[in-house]
């Protein structure tokens, strides 16, 4: 039996209510978002004032998104990251619906990642990879943020940050294959 490499590695996973809120607002207002992220799934029912200017809302949304998931460093600090006008009003008026919807998505993340015998764990996956190939992955440290978007999304945000869809987390073997492909052997 081959022992695991001594190279240090870690993968931390979080779910961002702020990012979920921002993506839901993006879709409700028809704003083109960054990275070609697909729409949220399932979409929450939000009430949006049709008089909200798409240009003004789009600029405010991009500033909000950049504070939530910056390309480097950690996004959430524990306190909510609120948008500027006119999006602040949209969030306030829909807060209950957004919170209930986002909390349900967070429970989906918990179900998708809860340890069971049928769900491969990353350390077991890496051990099997080493045994099968004889190649030991180098050390790595990743911060993964789960997003409630449709489809199988694996999006490097820069450095050690990655965004993934809940659907990809639910396909644990594919998620682990993509992590390994990202960090390289």
N, C-alpha and C. Protein backbone atom coordinates (compact mmCIF):
# COMPACT_ATOMS: atom_id res chain seq x y z
N UNK A 1 0.84 -1.18 0.00
CA UNK A 1 0.00 0.00 0.00
C UNK A 1 0.88 1.24 0.00
N UNK A 2 0.60 2.16 -0.89
CA UNK A 2 1.37 3.39 -1.01
C UNK A 2 0.85 4.43 -0.03
N UNK A 3 1.77 5.09 0.64
CA UNK A 3 1.37 6.14 1.58
C UNK A 3 1.10 7.44 0.83
N UNK A 4 0.28 8.28 1.43
CA UNK A 4 -0.02 9.58 0.83
C UNK A 4 1.22 10.46 0.89
N UNK A 5 1.33 11.31 -0.09
CA UNK A 5 2.39 12.30 -0.14
C UNK A 5 2.32 13.17 1.10
N UNK A 6 3.47 13.64 1.52
CA UNK A 6 3.51 14.53 2.67
C UNK A 6 3.20 15.97 2.29
N UNK A 7 2.98 16.23 1.00
CA UNK A 7 2.70 17.60 0.56
C UNK A 7 1.40 18.09 1.19
N UNK A 8 1.44 19.26 1.80
CA UNK A 8 0.22 19.76 2.44
C UNK A 8 -0.82 20.20 1.41
N UNK A 9 -2.05 19.91 1.71
CA UNK A 9 -3.15 20.36 0.84
C UNK A 9 -4.37 20.60 1.70
N UNK A 10 -5.23 21.47 1.21
CA UNK A 10 -6.50 21.69 1.88
C UNK A 10 -7.51 22.23 0.88
N UNK A 11 -8.75 21.88 1.10
CA UNK A 11 -9.86 22.39 0.30
C UNK A 11 -10.93 22.84 1.28
N UNK A 12 -11.19 24.14 1.31
CA UNK A 12 -12.27 24.64 2.16
C UNK A 12 -13.45 24.98 1.27
N UNK A 13 -14.64 24.67 1.74
CA UNK A 13 -15.86 24.89 0.98
C UNK A 13 -16.77 25.80 1.77
N UNK A 14 -17.31 26.80 1.10
CA UNK A 14 -18.30 27.64 1.74
C UNK A 14 -19.44 27.92 0.78
N UNK A 15 -20.50 28.45 1.34
CA UNK A 15 -21.66 28.88 0.56
C UNK A 15 -21.87 30.35 0.89
N UNK A 16 -22.02 31.18 -0.11
CA UNK A 16 -22.15 32.61 0.08
C UNK A 16 -23.59 33.07 -0.16
N UNK A 17 -24.27 33.46 0.93
CA UNK A 17 -25.61 34.03 0.77
C UNK A 17 -25.52 35.31 -0.06
N UNK A 18 -24.47 36.09 0.16
CA UNK A 18 -24.31 37.34 -0.60
C UNK A 18 -24.23 37.06 -2.10
N UNK A 19 -23.43 36.06 -2.48
CA UNK A 19 -23.30 35.73 -3.91
C UNK A 19 -24.62 35.20 -4.45
N UNK A 20 -25.32 34.39 -3.65
CA UNK A 20 -26.61 33.87 -4.09
C UNK A 20 -27.61 35.01 -4.30
N UNK A 21 -27.67 35.95 -3.35
CA UNK A 21 -28.55 37.11 -3.50
C UNK A 21 -28.20 37.87 -4.79
N UNK A 22 -26.92 38.13 -4.97
CA UNK A 22 -26.47 38.92 -6.13
C UNK A 22 -26.85 38.22 -7.43
N UNK A 23 -26.65 36.92 -7.50
CA UNK A 23 -26.98 36.19 -8.73
C UNK A 23 -28.49 36.18 -8.98
N UNK A 24 -29.28 36.05 -7.93
CA UNK A 24 -30.74 36.07 -8.09
C UNK A 24 -31.21 37.45 -8.58
N UNK A 25 -30.63 38.50 -8.02
CA UNK A 25 -30.98 39.87 -8.45
C UNK A 25 -30.52 40.08 -9.89
N UNK A 26 -29.33 39.60 -10.22
CA UNK A 26 -28.83 39.69 -11.60
C UNK A 26 -29.84 39.11 -12.57
N UNK A 27 -30.33 37.93 -12.28
CA UNK A 27 -31.28 37.27 -13.18
C UNK A 27 -32.62 37.99 -13.23
N UNK A 28 -33.09 38.46 -12.08
CA UNK A 28 -34.39 39.14 -12.04
C UNK A 28 -34.36 40.43 -12.85
N UNK A 29 -33.20 41.09 -12.90
CA UNK A 29 -33.09 42.35 -13.63
C UNK A 29 -32.55 42.16 -15.06
N UNK A 30 -32.16 40.95 -15.41
CA UNK A 30 -31.63 40.71 -16.74
C UNK A 30 -30.26 41.32 -16.98
N UNK A 31 -29.45 41.36 -15.93
CA UNK A 31 -28.10 41.93 -16.01
C UNK A 31 -27.13 40.85 -16.49
N UNK A 32 -26.26 41.20 -17.42
CA UNK A 32 -25.22 40.27 -17.86
C UNK A 32 -24.15 40.25 -16.78
N UNK A 33 -23.90 39.08 -16.23
CA UNK A 33 -22.95 38.97 -15.14
C UNK A 33 -21.58 38.50 -15.60
N UNK A 34 -20.67 38.37 -14.67
CA UNK A 34 -19.29 37.98 -14.99
C UNK A 34 -19.16 36.50 -15.30
N UNK A 35 -18.14 36.19 -16.02
CA UNK A 35 -17.71 34.81 -16.24
C UNK A 35 -18.73 33.93 -16.96
N UNK A 36 -19.79 34.51 -17.50
CA UNK A 36 -20.80 33.70 -18.18
C UNK A 36 -21.50 32.72 -17.27
N UNK A 37 -21.60 33.04 -15.99
CA UNK A 37 -22.28 32.13 -15.06
C UNK A 37 -23.74 31.96 -15.48
N UNK A 38 -24.23 30.72 -15.50
CA UNK A 38 -25.62 30.48 -15.89
C UNK A 38 -26.59 31.06 -14.86
N UNK A 39 -27.87 31.05 -15.19
CA UNK A 39 -28.87 31.56 -14.25
C UNK A 39 -28.93 30.71 -12.98
N UNK A 40 -29.50 31.31 -11.94
CA UNK A 40 -29.68 30.56 -10.70
C UNK A 40 -30.73 29.47 -10.92
N UNK A 41 -30.61 28.41 -10.12
CA UNK A 41 -31.54 27.28 -10.26
C UNK A 41 -31.87 26.74 -8.88
N UNK A 42 -33.13 26.66 -8.58
CA UNK A 42 -34.28 27.26 -9.26
C UNK A 42 -34.34 28.75 -8.93
N UNK A 43 -34.93 29.54 -9.80
CA UNK A 43 -34.99 30.98 -9.53
C UNK A 43 -36.02 31.31 -8.45
N UNK A 44 -35.70 32.27 -7.58
CA UNK A 44 -36.68 32.69 -6.59
C UNK A 44 -37.71 33.62 -7.24
N UNK A 45 -38.85 33.73 -6.60
CA UNK A 45 -39.86 34.67 -7.10
C UNK A 45 -39.60 36.02 -6.44
N UNK A 46 -39.15 36.98 -7.24
CA UNK A 46 -38.81 38.31 -6.75
C UNK A 46 -39.70 39.35 -7.41
N UNK A 47 -39.96 40.42 -6.69
CA UNK A 47 -40.71 41.55 -7.22
C UNK A 47 -39.70 42.66 -7.51
N UNK A 48 -39.65 43.07 -8.78
CA UNK A 48 -38.68 44.08 -9.19
C UNK A 48 -39.40 45.21 -9.90
N UNK A 49 -39.08 46.44 -9.52
CA UNK A 49 -39.67 47.62 -10.14
C UNK A 49 -39.17 47.72 -11.58
N UNK A 50 -40.07 47.69 -12.57
CA UNK A 50 -39.63 47.75 -13.97
C UNK A 50 -38.97 49.07 -14.34
N UNK A 51 -39.10 50.10 -13.49
CA UNK A 51 -38.49 51.39 -13.79
C UNK A 51 -36.99 51.41 -13.44
N UNK A 52 -36.50 50.35 -12.82
CA UNK A 52 -35.08 50.30 -12.47
C UNK A 52 -34.25 50.30 -13.75
N UNK A 53 -33.36 51.27 -13.87
CA UNK A 53 -32.53 51.43 -15.06
C UNK A 53 -31.54 50.26 -15.17
N UNK A 54 -31.55 49.59 -16.30
CA UNK A 54 -30.65 48.45 -16.50
C UNK A 54 -29.19 48.89 -16.45
N UNK A 55 -28.87 50.07 -17.01
CA UNK A 55 -27.49 50.55 -17.00
C UNK A 55 -27.02 50.85 -15.58
N UNK A 56 -27.83 51.60 -14.85
CA UNK A 56 -27.47 51.95 -13.48
C UNK A 56 -27.42 50.70 -12.60
N UNK A 57 -28.39 49.80 -12.77
CA UNK A 57 -28.43 48.57 -12.00
C UNK A 57 -27.23 47.68 -12.34
N UNK A 58 -26.87 47.62 -13.62
CA UNK A 58 -25.74 46.79 -14.04
C UNK A 58 -24.43 47.25 -13.43
N UNK A 59 -24.20 48.56 -13.40
CA UNK A 59 -22.97 49.09 -12.81
C UNK A 59 -22.95 48.83 -11.30
N UNK A 60 -24.08 49.06 -10.64
CA UNK A 60 -24.16 48.82 -9.20
C UNK A 60 -23.98 47.33 -8.91
N UNK A 61 -24.54 46.48 -9.76
CA UNK A 61 -24.41 45.05 -9.56
C UNK A 61 -22.95 44.61 -9.67
N UNK A 62 -22.24 45.12 -10.66
CA UNK A 62 -20.84 44.72 -10.85
C UNK A 62 -19.99 45.14 -9.64
N UNK A 63 -20.22 46.35 -9.12
CA UNK A 63 -19.49 46.78 -7.92
C UNK A 63 -19.79 45.86 -6.74
N UNK A 64 -21.07 45.48 -6.61
CA UNK A 64 -21.49 44.58 -5.54
C UNK A 64 -20.80 43.23 -5.68
N UNK A 65 -20.84 42.67 -6.88
CA UNK A 65 -20.23 41.36 -7.14
C UNK A 65 -18.73 41.38 -6.84
N UNK A 66 -18.06 42.46 -7.25
CA UNK A 66 -16.62 42.55 -7.01
C UNK A 66 -16.27 42.59 -5.52
N UNK A 67 -17.17 43.10 -4.70
CA UNK A 67 -16.95 43.10 -3.24
C UNK A 67 -17.26 41.73 -2.65
N UNK A 68 -18.20 41.01 -3.27
CA UNK A 68 -18.60 39.69 -2.74
C UNK A 68 -17.56 38.63 -3.05
N UNK A 69 -17.19 38.51 -4.30
CA UNK A 69 -16.21 37.49 -4.71
C UNK A 69 -15.07 38.14 -5.49
N UNK A 70 -14.19 38.82 -4.77
CA UNK A 70 -13.06 39.43 -5.48
C UNK A 70 -12.15 38.33 -6.04
N UNK A 71 -11.41 38.64 -7.11
CA UNK A 71 -10.56 37.62 -7.72
C UNK A 71 -9.53 37.03 -6.77
N UNK A 72 -9.08 37.79 -5.79
CA UNK A 72 -8.13 37.25 -4.81
C UNK A 72 -8.64 37.57 -3.42
N UNK A 73 -8.23 36.78 -2.48
CA UNK A 73 -8.66 37.00 -1.11
C UNK A 73 -10.03 36.42 -0.85
N UNK A 74 -10.46 36.50 0.38
CA UNK A 74 -11.74 35.95 0.79
C UNK A 74 -12.84 36.96 0.60
N UNK A 75 -14.00 36.49 0.19
CA UNK A 75 -15.13 37.36 -0.04
C UNK A 75 -15.86 37.72 1.23
N UNK A 76 -16.62 36.81 1.78
CA UNK A 76 -17.48 37.13 2.91
C UNK A 76 -16.68 37.30 4.19
N UNK A 77 -17.08 38.30 4.94
CA UNK A 77 -16.41 38.61 6.20
C UNK A 77 -17.28 38.27 7.39
N UNK A 78 -18.46 37.78 7.18
CA UNK A 78 -19.38 37.49 8.27
C UNK A 78 -20.56 38.44 8.26
N UNK A 79 -20.33 39.71 7.92
CA UNK A 79 -21.46 40.62 7.80
C UNK A 79 -21.87 40.71 6.34
N UNK A 80 -23.16 40.94 6.11
CA UNK A 80 -23.65 40.97 4.74
C UNK A 80 -22.97 42.08 3.92
N UNK A 81 -22.76 41.78 2.66
CA UNK A 81 -22.24 42.76 1.71
C UNK A 81 -23.45 43.26 0.94
N UNK A 82 -23.83 44.50 1.22
CA UNK A 82 -25.04 45.05 0.61
C UNK A 82 -24.70 45.89 -0.61
N UNK A 83 -25.60 45.91 -1.59
CA UNK A 83 -25.35 46.68 -2.80
C UNK A 83 -25.68 48.15 -2.62
N UNK A 84 -25.20 48.95 -3.56
CA UNK A 84 -25.53 50.36 -3.64
C UNK A 84 -26.90 50.52 -4.29
N UNK A 85 -27.41 51.75 -4.28
CA UNK A 85 -28.67 52.06 -4.97
C UNK A 85 -28.47 51.83 -6.46
N UNK A 86 -29.44 51.38 -7.18
CA UNK A 86 -30.82 51.10 -6.80
C UNK A 86 -31.03 49.66 -6.32
N UNK A 87 -29.97 48.86 -6.27
CA UNK A 87 -30.14 47.45 -5.90
C UNK A 87 -30.43 47.26 -4.42
N UNK A 88 -30.01 48.20 -3.59
CA UNK A 88 -30.29 48.07 -2.16
C UNK A 88 -31.80 47.97 -1.91
N UNK A 89 -32.57 48.73 -2.66
CA UNK A 89 -34.03 48.70 -2.52
C UNK A 89 -34.58 47.35 -2.97
N UNK A 90 -34.04 46.79 -4.05
CA UNK A 90 -34.50 45.49 -4.55
C UNK A 90 -34.23 44.41 -3.51
N UNK A 91 -33.06 44.45 -2.90
CA UNK A 91 -32.73 43.46 -1.86
C UNK A 91 -33.65 43.63 -0.65
N UNK A 92 -33.82 44.86 -0.20
CA UNK A 92 -34.68 45.13 0.96
C UNK A 92 -36.11 44.65 0.72
N UNK A 93 -36.66 44.98 -0.44
CA UNK A 93 -38.05 44.62 -0.74
C UNK A 93 -38.23 43.11 -0.92
N UNK A 94 -37.18 42.39 -1.24
CA UNK A 94 -37.27 40.95 -1.48
C UNK A 94 -36.49 40.13 -0.46
N UNK A 95 -36.10 40.74 0.65
CA UNK A 95 -35.21 40.06 1.57
C UNK A 95 -35.76 38.72 2.06
N UNK A 96 -37.02 38.67 2.44
CA UNK A 96 -37.61 37.43 2.94
C UNK A 96 -37.55 36.32 1.91
N UNK A 97 -37.93 36.63 0.67
CA UNK A 97 -37.91 35.62 -0.41
C UNK A 97 -36.47 35.20 -0.72
N UNK A 98 -35.56 36.17 -0.76
CA UNK A 98 -34.16 35.85 -1.04
C UNK A 98 -33.56 34.97 0.06
N UNK A 99 -33.85 35.32 1.30
CA UNK A 99 -33.28 34.56 2.41
C UNK A 99 -33.81 33.12 2.43
N UNK A 100 -35.11 32.96 2.27
CA UNK A 100 -35.70 31.61 2.28
C UNK A 100 -35.14 30.78 1.13
N UNK A 101 -35.05 31.38 -0.05
CA UNK A 101 -34.53 30.68 -1.23
C UNK A 101 -33.06 30.31 -1.03
N UNK A 102 -32.25 31.26 -0.55
CA UNK A 102 -30.83 31.01 -0.36
C UNK A 102 -30.59 29.97 0.74
N UNK A 103 -31.38 30.00 1.81
CA UNK A 103 -31.23 29.01 2.88
C UNK A 103 -31.51 27.60 2.35
N UNK A 104 -32.49 27.48 1.45
CA UNK A 104 -32.78 26.18 0.85
C UNK A 104 -31.60 25.71 -0.01
N UNK A 105 -30.94 26.62 -0.71
CA UNK A 105 -29.77 26.25 -1.52
C UNK A 105 -28.62 25.83 -0.60
N UNK A 106 -28.45 26.51 0.53
CA UNK A 106 -27.39 26.14 1.46
C UNK A 106 -27.63 24.72 2.00
N UNK A 107 -28.89 24.37 2.25
CA UNK A 107 -29.19 23.00 2.70
C UNK A 107 -28.84 22.00 1.60
N UNK A 108 -29.02 22.37 0.33
CA UNK A 108 -28.63 21.49 -0.78
C UNK A 108 -27.12 21.24 -0.76
N UNK A 109 -26.36 22.28 -0.49
CA UNK A 109 -24.90 22.13 -0.39
C UNK A 109 -24.56 21.17 0.75
N UNK A 110 -25.22 21.34 1.88
CA UNK A 110 -24.95 20.45 3.02
C UNK A 110 -25.28 19.01 2.67
N UNK A 111 -26.40 18.77 2.00
CA UNK A 111 -26.75 17.40 1.60
C UNK A 111 -25.74 16.84 0.60
N UNK A 112 -25.32 17.66 -0.35
CA UNK A 112 -24.39 17.20 -1.38
C UNK A 112 -23.01 16.87 -0.81
N UNK A 113 -22.65 17.48 0.29
CA UNK A 113 -21.30 17.29 0.81
C UNK A 113 -21.25 16.53 2.13
N UNK A 114 -22.41 16.07 2.62
CA UNK A 114 -22.38 15.35 3.89
C UNK A 114 -21.67 14.01 3.69
N UNK A 115 -20.82 13.64 4.65
CA UNK A 115 -20.05 12.41 4.50
C UNK A 115 -20.93 11.17 4.62
N UNK A 116 -20.85 10.34 3.61
CA UNK A 116 -21.53 9.04 3.63
C UNK A 116 -20.58 8.04 2.98
N UNK A 117 -20.91 6.78 3.09
CA UNK A 117 -20.06 5.76 2.46
C UNK A 117 -20.06 5.87 0.95
N UNK A 118 -21.15 6.36 0.38
CA UNK A 118 -21.26 6.44 -1.08
C UNK A 118 -20.57 7.68 -1.66
N UNK A 119 -20.20 8.64 -0.80
CA UNK A 119 -19.59 9.88 -1.27
C UNK A 119 -18.08 9.81 -1.05
N UNK A 120 -17.31 9.80 -2.14
CA UNK A 120 -15.85 9.76 -1.97
C UNK A 120 -15.33 11.04 -1.32
N UNK A 121 -14.40 10.89 -0.40
CA UNK A 121 -13.79 12.04 0.24
C UNK A 121 -12.52 12.38 -0.51
N UNK A 122 -12.11 13.63 -0.44
CA UNK A 122 -10.98 14.07 -1.25
C UNK A 122 -9.70 13.33 -0.88
N UNK A 123 -9.48 13.07 0.39
CA UNK A 123 -8.24 12.38 0.75
C UNK A 123 -8.23 10.96 0.18
N UNK A 124 -9.40 10.28 0.17
CA UNK A 124 -9.47 8.95 -0.42
C UNK A 124 -9.28 9.01 -1.93
N UNK A 125 -9.86 10.03 -2.54
CA UNK A 125 -9.73 10.21 -3.99
C UNK A 125 -8.26 10.42 -4.36
N UNK A 126 -7.56 11.28 -3.61
CA UNK A 126 -6.14 11.53 -3.89
C UNK A 126 -5.29 10.29 -3.65
N UNK A 127 -5.61 9.55 -2.59
CA UNK A 127 -4.87 8.32 -2.31
C UNK A 127 -5.04 7.31 -3.45
N UNK A 128 -6.28 7.13 -3.91
CA UNK A 128 -6.54 6.21 -5.03
C UNK A 128 -5.82 6.68 -6.30
N UNK A 129 -5.80 7.98 -6.53
CA UNK A 129 -5.09 8.52 -7.70
C UNK A 129 -3.60 8.19 -7.61
N UNK A 130 -3.01 8.42 -6.44
CA UNK A 130 -1.59 8.12 -6.26
C UNK A 130 -1.30 6.64 -6.47
N UNK A 131 -2.16 5.78 -5.91
CA UNK A 131 -1.95 4.34 -6.05
C UNK A 131 -2.09 3.90 -7.50
N UNK A 132 -3.05 4.47 -8.21
CA UNK A 132 -3.29 4.06 -9.60
C UNK A 132 -2.23 4.59 -10.56
N UNK A 133 -1.72 5.79 -10.31
CA UNK A 133 -0.80 6.41 -11.27
C UNK A 133 0.65 6.45 -10.81
N UNK A 134 0.86 6.33 -9.50
CA UNK A 134 2.21 6.48 -8.97
C UNK A 134 2.64 7.94 -8.92
N UNK A 135 1.75 8.85 -9.22
CA UNK A 135 2.05 10.28 -9.23
C UNK A 135 1.43 10.92 -7.99
N UNK A 136 2.24 11.70 -7.30
CA UNK A 136 1.76 12.38 -6.11
C UNK A 136 1.48 13.85 -6.44
N UNK A 137 0.25 14.28 -6.23
CA UNK A 137 -0.05 15.69 -6.47
C UNK A 137 0.77 16.59 -5.55
N UNK A 138 1.18 17.73 -6.07
CA UNK A 138 1.90 18.70 -5.26
C UNK A 138 0.94 19.29 -4.23
N UNK A 139 1.47 19.93 -3.24
CA UNK A 139 0.63 20.56 -2.24
C UNK A 139 -0.22 21.66 -2.86
N UNK A 140 -1.39 21.88 -2.29
CA UNK A 140 -2.27 22.93 -2.77
C UNK A 140 -3.21 23.36 -1.66
N UNK A 141 -3.77 24.53 -1.82
CA UNK A 141 -4.74 25.08 -0.88
C UNK A 141 -5.80 25.77 -1.73
N UNK A 142 -7.04 25.30 -1.62
CA UNK A 142 -8.13 25.86 -2.41
C UNK A 142 -9.26 26.35 -1.51
N UNK A 143 -9.86 27.45 -1.93
CA UNK A 143 -11.07 27.96 -1.29
C UNK A 143 -12.17 27.87 -2.34
N UNK A 144 -13.17 27.03 -2.07
CA UNK A 144 -14.24 26.76 -3.03
C UNK A 144 -15.54 27.39 -2.51
N UNK A 145 -16.21 28.13 -3.38
CA UNK A 145 -17.50 28.73 -3.04
C UNK A 145 -18.57 28.08 -3.90
N UNK A 146 -19.59 27.53 -3.24
CA UNK A 146 -20.71 26.91 -3.94
C UNK A 146 -21.70 27.99 -4.35
N UNK A 147 -22.14 27.92 -5.61
CA UNK A 147 -23.10 28.89 -6.14
C UNK A 147 -24.35 28.15 -6.62
N UNK A 148 -25.52 28.76 -6.42
CA UNK A 148 -26.77 28.10 -6.83
C UNK A 148 -27.12 28.38 -8.29
N UNK A 149 -26.23 28.00 -9.20
CA UNK A 149 -26.46 28.22 -10.63
C UNK A 149 -26.74 26.89 -11.32
N UNK A 150 -27.38 26.97 -12.47
CA UNK A 150 -27.75 25.78 -13.24
C UNK A 150 -26.52 25.12 -13.84
N UNK A 151 -26.59 23.81 -13.98
CA UNK A 151 -25.56 23.07 -14.69
C UNK A 151 -24.34 22.75 -13.85
N UNK A 152 -23.37 22.17 -14.52
CA UNK A 152 -22.14 21.74 -13.89
C UNK A 152 -21.07 22.81 -14.12
N UNK A 153 -20.84 23.65 -13.12
CA UNK A 153 -19.93 24.79 -13.25
C UNK A 153 -18.72 24.60 -12.34
N UNK A 154 -17.55 24.77 -12.92
CA UNK A 154 -16.28 24.78 -12.18
C UNK A 154 -15.53 25.99 -12.72
N UNK A 155 -15.45 27.05 -11.92
CA UNK A 155 -14.91 28.31 -12.40
C UNK A 155 -13.77 28.81 -11.52
N UNK A 156 -12.53 28.70 -12.01
CA UNK A 156 -11.42 29.31 -11.27
C UNK A 156 -11.59 30.84 -11.27
N UNK A 157 -11.48 31.44 -10.09
CA UNK A 157 -11.66 32.89 -9.97
C UNK A 157 -10.33 33.61 -9.87
N UNK A 158 -9.28 32.88 -9.72
CA UNK A 158 -7.96 33.48 -9.58
C UNK A 158 -7.26 32.88 -8.38
N UNK A 159 -5.99 32.62 -8.55
CA UNK A 159 -5.21 32.08 -7.44
C UNK A 159 -5.78 30.78 -6.94
N UNK A 160 -6.11 30.77 -5.67
CA UNK A 160 -6.59 29.56 -5.01
C UNK A 160 -8.10 29.54 -4.84
N UNK A 161 -8.82 30.40 -5.57
CA UNK A 161 -10.27 30.51 -5.42
C UNK A 161 -11.00 29.89 -6.59
N UNK A 162 -12.04 29.14 -6.27
CA UNK A 162 -12.85 28.48 -7.29
C UNK A 162 -14.31 28.63 -6.90
N UNK A 163 -15.16 28.80 -7.91
CA UNK A 163 -16.61 28.76 -7.70
C UNK A 163 -17.12 27.51 -8.40
N UNK A 164 -18.04 26.82 -7.74
CA UNK A 164 -18.63 25.62 -8.33
C UNK A 164 -20.14 25.67 -8.14
N UNK A 165 -20.85 24.99 -9.02
CA UNK A 165 -22.30 24.90 -8.87
C UNK A 165 -22.65 23.80 -7.88
N UNK A 166 -23.83 23.93 -7.31
CA UNK A 166 -24.32 22.89 -6.40
C UNK A 166 -24.50 21.58 -7.16
N UNK A 167 -24.89 21.68 -8.43
CA UNK A 167 -25.04 20.47 -9.25
C UNK A 167 -23.71 19.72 -9.37
N UNK A 168 -22.61 20.44 -9.54
CA UNK A 168 -21.30 19.78 -9.62
C UNK A 168 -20.94 19.17 -8.27
N UNK A 169 -21.21 19.86 -7.18
CA UNK A 169 -20.93 19.28 -5.86
C UNK A 169 -21.70 17.99 -5.65
N UNK A 170 -22.90 17.93 -6.21
CA UNK A 170 -23.74 16.73 -6.07
C UNK A 170 -23.17 15.54 -6.82
N UNK A 171 -22.37 15.80 -7.84
CA UNK A 171 -21.67 14.74 -8.58
C UNK A 171 -20.25 14.70 -8.02
N UNK A 172 -20.12 14.12 -6.84
CA UNK A 172 -18.87 14.20 -6.08
C UNK A 172 -17.66 13.69 -6.86
N UNK A 173 -17.79 12.60 -7.59
CA UNK A 173 -16.65 12.06 -8.33
C UNK A 173 -16.18 13.06 -9.39
N UNK A 174 -17.12 13.67 -10.11
CA UNK A 174 -16.75 14.66 -11.13
C UNK A 174 -16.13 15.90 -10.48
N UNK A 175 -16.69 16.33 -9.38
CA UNK A 175 -16.14 17.47 -8.65
C UNK A 175 -14.68 17.20 -8.26
N UNK A 176 -14.41 16.02 -7.72
CA UNK A 176 -13.04 15.68 -7.32
C UNK A 176 -12.11 15.56 -8.51
N UNK A 177 -12.61 15.02 -9.62
CA UNK A 177 -11.78 14.95 -10.84
C UNK A 177 -11.40 16.36 -11.29
N UNK A 178 -12.33 17.29 -11.23
CA UNK A 178 -12.03 18.67 -11.65
C UNK A 178 -11.07 19.36 -10.70
N UNK A 179 -11.19 19.08 -9.42
CA UNK A 179 -10.22 19.63 -8.45
C UNK A 179 -8.83 19.13 -8.80
N UNK A 180 -8.70 17.82 -9.03
CA UNK A 180 -7.40 17.23 -9.35
C UNK A 180 -6.86 17.79 -10.66
N UNK A 181 -7.70 17.93 -11.66
CA UNK A 181 -7.25 18.51 -12.94
C UNK A 181 -6.79 19.95 -12.75
N UNK A 182 -7.46 20.68 -11.88
CA UNK A 182 -7.11 22.08 -11.63
C UNK A 182 -5.76 22.22 -10.94
N UNK A 183 -5.52 21.41 -9.93
CA UNK A 183 -4.28 21.53 -9.18
C UNK A 183 -3.12 20.83 -9.88
N UNK A 184 -3.44 19.91 -10.79
CA UNK A 184 -2.40 19.20 -11.52
C UNK A 184 -1.66 18.23 -10.64
N UNK A 185 -1.14 17.15 -11.22
CA UNK A 185 -0.42 16.15 -10.42
C UNK A 185 0.93 16.64 -9.94
